[in-house]
Amino acid sequence: MNEMLIAEREQVDIDQTLDHFEQQQKGLIAMLEVFEKMVEEISSVQGGSLGVPVAGPADTERDRK
């Protein structure tokens, strides 16, 4: 009986920890969605370019290796 009570307490702790992680993950997903929208808006204002140079032939060759 004692072992069962200990196991139940441990399960409650595990469930609480998982709930906490789930809430954090939901918050991170919400922030990521906001950032993605901001990047899309910035990208559309700048004509689809974020000022990142386009990879040249040397870059492509290096990436292949």
PDB file of N, CA and C in Angstrom:
ATOM      1  N   MET A   1       0.828  -1.187   0.000  1.00  0.00           N
ATOM      2  CA  MET A   1       0.000   0.000   0.000  1.00  0.00           C
ATOM      3  C   MET A   1       0.878   1.259   0.000  1.00  0.00           C
ATOM      4  N   ASN A   2       1.938   1.204   0.789  1.00  0.00           N
ATOM      5  CA  ASN A   2       2.864   2.333   0.874  1.00  0.00           C
ATOM      6  C   ASN A   2       3.493   2.640  -0.480  1.00  0.00           C
ATOM      7  N   GLU A   3       3.903   1.595  -1.181  1.00  0.00           N
ATOM      8  CA  GLU A   3       4.529   1.766  -2.487  1.00  0.00           C
ATOM      9  C   GLU A   3       3.552   2.385  -3.485  1.00  0.00           C
ATOM     10  N   MET A   4       2.281   2.021  -3.369  1.00  0.00           N
ATOM     11  CA  MET A   4       1.274   2.567  -4.266  1.00  0.00           C
ATOM     12  C   MET A   4       1.094   4.068  -4.020  1.00  0.00           C
ATOM     13  N   LEU A   5       1.092   4.475  -2.780  1.00  0.00           N
ATOM     14  CA  LEU A   5       0.956   5.899  -2.452  1.00  0.00           C
ATOM     15  C   LEU A   5       2.159   6.700  -2.963  1.00  0.00           C
ATOM     16  N   ILE A   6       3.332   6.114  -2.814  1.00  0.00           N
ATOM     17  CA  ILE A   6       4.547   6.772  -3.314  1.00  0.00           C
ATOM     18  C   ILE A   6       4.468   6.902  -4.835  1.00  0.00           C
ATOM     19  N   ALA A   7       4.058   5.837  -5.497  1.00  0.00           N
ATOM     20  CA  ALA A   7       3.951   5.854  -6.956  1.00  0.00           C
ATOM     21  C   ALA A   7       2.918   6.888  -7.414  1.00  0.00           C
ATOM     22  N   GLU A   8       1.808   7.001  -6.705  1.00  0.00           N
ATOM     23  CA  GLU A   8       0.778   7.982  -7.061  1.00  0.00           C
ATOM     24  C   GLU A   8       1.311   9.409  -6.913  1.00  0.00           C
ATOM     25  N   ARG A   9       2.052   9.672  -5.840  1.00  0.00           N
ATOM     26  CA  ARG A   9       2.640  10.999  -5.641  1.00  0.00           C
ATOM     27  C   ARG A   9       3.636  11.318  -6.750  1.00  0.00           C
ATOM     28  N   GLU A  10       4.445  10.334  -7.106  1.00  0.00           N
ATOM     29  CA  GLU A  10       5.411  10.529  -8.184  1.00  0.00           C
ATOM     30  C   GLU A  10       4.696  10.796  -9.506  1.00  0.00           C
ATOM     31  N   GLN A  11       3.587  10.085  -9.737  1.00  0.00           N
ATOM     32  CA  GLN A  11       2.827  10.292 -10.961  1.00  0.00           C
ATOM     33  C   GLN A  11       2.233  11.698 -11.009  1.00  0.00           C
ATOM     34  N   VAL A  12       1.752  12.192  -9.887  1.00  0.00           N
ATOM     35  CA  VAL A  12       1.218  13.557  -9.820  1.00  0.00           C
ATOM     36  C   VAL A  12       2.328  14.558 -10.145  1.00  0.00           C
ATOM     37  N   ASP A  13       3.510  14.357  -9.584  1.00  0.00           N
ATOM     38  CA  ASP A  13       4.647  15.238  -9.871  1.00  0.00           C
ATOM     39  C   ASP A  13       5.012  15.207 -11.361  1.00  0.00           C
ATOM     40  N   ILE A  14       5.015  14.024 -11.925  1.00  0.00           N
ATOM     41  CA  ILE A  14       5.333  13.885 -13.347  1.00  0.00           C
ATOM     42  C   ILE A  14       4.282  14.590 -14.192  1.00  0.00           C
ATOM     43  N   ASP A  15       3.016  14.401 -13.864  1.00  0.00           N
ATOM     44  CA  ASP A  15       1.934  15.050 -14.608  1.00  0.00           C
ATOM     45  C   ASP A  15       2.038  16.571 -14.531  1.00  0.00           C
ATOM     46  N   GLN A  16       2.362  17.090 -13.353  1.00  0.00           N
ATOM     47  CA  GLN A  16       2.506  18.537 -13.194  1.00  0.00           C
ATOM     48  C   GLN A  16       3.672  19.058 -14.029  1.00  0.00           C
ATOM     49  N   THR A  17       4.760  18.324 -14.031  1.00  0.00           N
ATOM     50  CA  THR A  17       5.922  18.724 -14.821  1.00  0.00           C
ATOM     51  C   THR A  17       5.588  18.716 -16.309  1.00  0.00           C
ATOM     52  N   LEU A  18       4.905  17.694 -16.762  1.00  0.00           N
ATOM     53  CA  LEU A  18       4.515  17.613 -18.168  1.00  0.00           C
ATOM     54  C   LEU A  18       3.553  18.744 -18.541  1.00  0.00           C
ATOM     55  N   ASP A  19       2.623  19.065 -17.652  1.00  0.00           N
ATOM     56  CA  ASP A  19       1.702  20.179 -17.896  1.00  0.00           C
ATOM     57  C   ASP A  19       2.470  21.491 -18.029  1.00  0.00           C
ATOM     58  N   HIS A  20       3.463  21.666 -17.169  1.00  0.00           N
ATOM     59  CA  HIS A  20       4.285  22.871 -17.228  1.00  0.00           C
ATOM     60  C   HIS A  20       5.024  22.961 -18.566  1.00  0.00           C
ATOM     61  N   PHE A  21       5.613  21.850 -18.994  1.00  0.00           N
ATOM     62  CA  PHE A  21       6.320  21.824 -20.279  1.00  0.00           C
ATOM     63  C   PHE A  21       5.355  22.114 -21.426  1.00  0.00           C
ATOM     64  N   GLU A  22       4.165  21.562 -21.348  1.00  0.00           N
ATOM     65  CA  GLU A  22       3.181  21.781 -22.401  1.00  0.00           C
ATOM     66  C   GLU A  22       2.795  23.261 -22.490  1.00  0.00           C
ATOM     67  N   GLN A  23       2.613  23.904 -21.351  1.00  0.00           N
ATOM     68  CA  GLN A  23       2.293  25.326 -21.345  1.00  0.00           C
ATOM     69  C   GLN A  23       3.436  26.159 -21.922  1.00  0.00           C
ATOM     70  N   GLN A  24       4.662  25.805 -21.575  1.00  0.00           N
ATOM     71  CA  GLN A  24       5.823  26.501 -22.134  1.00  0.00           C
ATOM     72  C   GLN A  24       5.885  26.315 -23.648  1.00  0.00           C
ATOM     73  N   GLN A  25       5.625  25.105 -24.103  1.00  0.00           N
ATOM     74  CA  GLN A  25       5.671  24.827 -25.526  1.00  0.00           C
ATOM     75  C   GLN A  25       4.592  25.625 -26.258  1.00  0.00           C
ATOM     76  N   LYS A  26       3.401  25.714 -25.684  1.00  0.00           N
ATOM     77  CA  LYS A  26       2.331  26.500 -26.303  1.00  0.00           C
ATOM     78  C   LYS A  26       2.733  27.972 -26.398  1.00  0.00           C
ATOM     79  N   GLY A  27       3.371  28.482 -25.359  1.00  0.00           N
ATOM     80  CA  GLY A  27       3.836  29.864 -25.380  1.00  0.00           C
ATOM     81  C   GLY A  27       4.892  30.088 -26.447  1.00  0.00           C
ATOM     82  N   LEU A  28       5.814  29.149 -26.575  1.00  0.00           N
ATOM     83  CA  LEU A  28       6.855  29.258 -27.600  1.00  0.00           C
ATOM     84  C   LEU A  28       6.265  29.186 -29.006  1.00  0.00           C
ATOM     85  N   ILE A  29       5.287  28.321 -29.197  1.00  0.00           N
ATOM     86  CA  ILE A  29       4.642  28.213 -30.498  1.00  0.00           C
ATOM     87  C   ILE A  29       3.935  29.519 -30.844  1.00  0.00           C
ATOM     88  N   ALA A  30       3.252  30.108 -29.871  1.00  0.00           N
ATOM     89  CA  ALA A  30       2.561  31.371 -30.108  1.00  0.00           C
ATOM     90  C   ALA A  30       3.561  32.471 -30.485  1.00  0.00           C
ATOM     91  N   MET A  31       4.693  32.541 -29.791  1.00  0.00           N
ATOM     92  CA  MET A  31       5.709  33.540 -30.115  1.00  0.00           C
ATOM     93  C   MET A  31       6.288  33.287 -31.507  1.00  0.00           C
ATOM     94  N   LEU A  32       6.534  32.032 -31.832  1.00  0.00           N
ATOM     95  CA  LEU A  32       7.077  31.693 -33.137  1.00  0.00           C
ATOM     96  C   LEU A  32       6.126  32.116 -34.248  1.00  0.00           C
ATOM     97  N   GLU A  33       4.832  31.910 -34.034  1.00  0.00           N
ATOM     98  CA  GLU A  33       3.848  32.321 -35.039  1.00  0.00           C
ATOM     99  C   GLU A  33       3.879  33.834 -35.248  1.00  0.00           C
ATOM    100  N   VAL A  34       4.031  34.593 -34.163  1.00  0.00           N
ATOM    101  CA  VAL A  34       4.125  36.047 -34.274  1.00  0.00           C
ATOM    102  C   VAL A  34       5.372  36.427 -35.065  1.00  0.00           C
ATOM    103  N   PHE A  35       6.503  35.807 -34.739  1.00  0.00           N
ATOM    104  CA  PHE A  35       7.751  36.110 -35.446  1.00  0.00           C
ATOM    105  C   PHE A  35       7.654  35.738 -36.927  1.00  0.00           C
ATOM    106  N   GLU A  36       7.023  34.608 -37.224  1.00  0.00           N
ATOM    107  CA  GLU A  36       6.877  34.202 -38.616  1.00  0.00           C
ATOM    108  C   GLU A  36       6.055  35.230 -39.397  1.00  0.00           C
ATOM    109  N   LYS A  37       4.982  35.736 -38.787  1.00  0.00           N
ATOM    110  CA  LYS A  37       4.168  36.760 -39.443  1.00  0.00           C
ATOM    111  C   LYS A  37       4.982  38.034 -39.661  1.00  0.00           C
ATOM    112  N   MET A  38       5.797  38.399 -38.681  1.00  0.00           N
ATOM    113  CA  MET A  38       6.623  39.596 -38.815  1.00  0.00           C
ATOM    114  C   MET A  38       7.619  39.430 -39.956  1.00  0.00           C
ATOM    115  N   VAL A  39       8.234  38.250 -40.053  1.00  0.00           N
ATOM    116  CA  VAL A  39       9.199  37.997 -41.116  1.00  0.00           C
ATOM    117  C   VAL A  39       8.501  38.046 -42.475  1.00  0.00           C
ATOM    118  N   GLU A  40       7.315  37.470 -42.558  1.00  0.00           N
ATOM    119  CA  GLU A  40       6.565  37.511 -43.817  1.00  0.00           C
ATOM    120  C   GLU A  40       6.246  38.950 -44.210  1.00  0.00           C
ATOM    121  N   GLU A  41       5.835  39.767 -43.235  1.00  0.00           N
ATOM    122  CA  GLU A  41       5.517  41.161 -43.531  1.00  0.00           C
ATOM    123  C   GLU A  41       6.763  41.916 -43.988  1.00  0.00           C
ATOM    124  N   ILE A  42       7.860  41.722 -43.283  1.00  0.00           N
ATOM    125  CA  ILE A  42       9.103  42.401 -43.654  1.00  0.00           C
ATOM    126  C   ILE A  42       9.541  41.945 -45.041  1.00  0.00           C
ATOM    127  N   SER A  43       9.435  40.652 -45.276  1.00  0.00           N
ATOM    128  CA  SER A  43       9.846  40.101 -46.563  1.00  0.00           C
ATOM    129  C   SER A  43       8.996  40.662 -47.695  1.00  0.00           C
ATOM    130  N   SER A  44       7.694  40.783 -47.483  1.00  0.00           N
ATOM    131  CA  SER A  44       6.828  41.302 -48.549  1.00  0.00           C
ATOM    132  C   SER A  44       7.090  42.781 -48.796  1.00  0.00           C
ATOM    133  N   VAL A  45       7.424  43.531 -47.756  1.00  0.00           N
ATOM    134  CA  VAL A  45       7.729  44.951 -47.907  1.00  0.00           C
ATOM    135  C   VAL A  45       9.026  45.128 -48.677  1.00  0.00           C
ATOM    136  N   GLN A  46       9.979  44.241 -48.463  1.00  0.00           N
ATOM    137  CA  GLN A  46      11.285  44.340 -49.111  1.00  0.00           C
ATOM    138  C   GLN A  46      11.325  43.590 -50.438  1.00  0.00           C
ATOM    139  N   GLY A  47      10.186  43.241 -50.947  1.00  0.00           N
ATOM    140  CA  GLY A  47      10.144  42.553 -52.234  1.00  0.00           C
ATOM    141  C   GLY A  47      10.601  41.117 -52.166  1.00  0.00           C
ATOM    142  N   GLY A  48      10.443  40.490 -51.025  1.00  0.00           N
ATOM    143  CA  GLY A  48      10.799  39.080 -50.889  1.00  0.00           C
ATOM    144  C   GLY A  48      12.245  38.830 -50.530  1.00  0.00           C
ATOM    145  N   SER A  49      13.039  39.878 -50.388  1.00  0.00           N
ATOM    146  CA  SER A  49      14.446  39.700 -50.060  1.00  0.00           C
ATOM    147  C   SER A  49      14.720  40.266 -48.677  1.00  0.00           C
ATOM    148  N   LEU A  50      15.387  39.506 -47.864  1.00  0.00           N
ATOM    149  CA  LEU A  50      15.765  39.964 -46.531  1.00  0.00           C
ATOM    150  C   LEU A  50      17.209  40.423 -46.502  1.00  0.00           C
ATOM    151  N   GLY A  51      17.773  40.686 -47.659  1.00  0.00           N
ATOM    152  CA  GLY A  51      19.154  41.141 -47.721  1.00  0.00           C
ATOM    153  C   GLY A  51      20.163  40.032 -47.575  1.00  0.00           C
ATOM    154  N   VAL A  52      19.720  38.812 -47.699  1.00  0.00           N
ATOM    155  CA  VAL A  52      20.618  37.666 -47.596  1.00  0.00           C
ATOM    156  C   VAL A  52      21.198  37.408 -48.978  1.00  0.00           C
ATOM    157  N   PRO A  53      22.515  37.359 -49.081  1.00  0.00           N
ATOM    158  CA  PRO A  53      23.101  37.134 -50.399  1.00  0.00           C
ATOM    159  C   PRO A  53      22.714  35.768 -50.957  1.00  0.00           C
ATOM    160  N   VAL A  54      22.573  35.730 -52.254  1.00  0.00           N
ATOM    161  CA  VAL A  54      22.233  34.483 -52.936  1.00  0.00           C
ATOM    162  C   VAL A  54      23.498  33.638 -53.041  1.00  0.00           C
ATOM    163  N   ALA A  55      23.344  32.340 -52.841  1.00  0.00           N
ATOM    164  CA  ALA A  55      24.492  31.436 -52.918  1.00  0.00           C
ATOM    165  C   ALA A  55      25.019  31.383 -54.339  1.00  0.00           C
ATOM    166  N   GLY A  56      26.319  31.487 -54.460  1.00  0.00           N
ATOM    167  CA  GLY A  56      26.961  31.403 -55.766  1.00  0.00           C
ATOM    168  C   GLY A  56      27.444  30.000 -56.041  1.00  0.00           C
ATOM    169  N   PRO A  57      28.105  29.797 -57.184  1.00  0.00           N
ATOM    170  CA  PRO A  57      28.578  28.464 -57.557  1.00  0.00           C
ATOM    171  C   PRO A  57      29.548  27.868 -56.539  1.00  0.00           C
ATOM    172  N   ALA A  58      30.414  28.704 -55.964  1.00  0.00           N
ATOM    173  CA  ALA A  58      31.372  28.184 -54.975  1.00  0.00           C
ATOM    174  C   ALA A  58      30.639  27.707 -53.723  1.00  0.00           C
ATOM    175  N   ASP A  59      29.597  28.436 -53.323  1.00  0.00           N
ATOM    176  CA  ASP A  59      28.813  28.028 -52.156  1.00  0.00           C
ATOM    177  C   ASP A  59      28.116  26.693 -52.409  1.00  0.00           C
ATOM    178  N   THR A  60      27.548  26.558 -53.587  1.00  0.00           N
ATOM    179  CA  THR A  60      26.855  25.324 -53.940  1.00  0.00           C
ATOM    180  C   THR A  60      27.806  24.143 -53.947  1.00  0.00           C
ATOM    181  N   GLU A  61      28.982  24.350 -54.517  1.00  0.00           N
ATOM    182  CA  GLU A  61      29.989  23.287 -54.574  1.00  0.00           C
ATOM    183  C   GLU A  61      30.440  22.891 -53.167  1.00  0.00           C
ATOM    184  N   ARG A  62      30.671  23.884 -52.315  1.00  0.00           N
ATOM    185  CA  ARG A  62      31.105  23.604 -50.940  1.00  0.00           C
ATOM    186  C   ARG A  62      30.036  22.849 -50.173  1.00  0.00           C
ATOM    187  N   ASP A  63      28.771  23.201 -50.365  1.00  0.00           N
ATOM    188  CA  ASP A  63      27.677  22.541 -49.676  1.00  0.00           C
ATOM    189  C   ASP A  63      27.529  21.090 -50.110  1.00  0.00           C
ATOM    190  N   ARG A  64      27.892  20.797 -51.345  1.00  0.00           N
ATOM    191  CA  ARG A  64      27.795  19.433 -51.858  1.00  0.00           C
ATOM    192  C   ARG A  64      28.755  18.493 -51.150  1.00  0.00           C
ATOM    193  N   LYS A  65      29.884  19.027 -50.680  1.00  0.00           N
ATOM    194  CA  LYS A  65      30.932  18.190 -50.068  1.00  0.00           C
ATOM    195  C   LYS A  65      30.676  17.902 -48.658  1.00  0.00           C
TER     196      LYS A  65
END
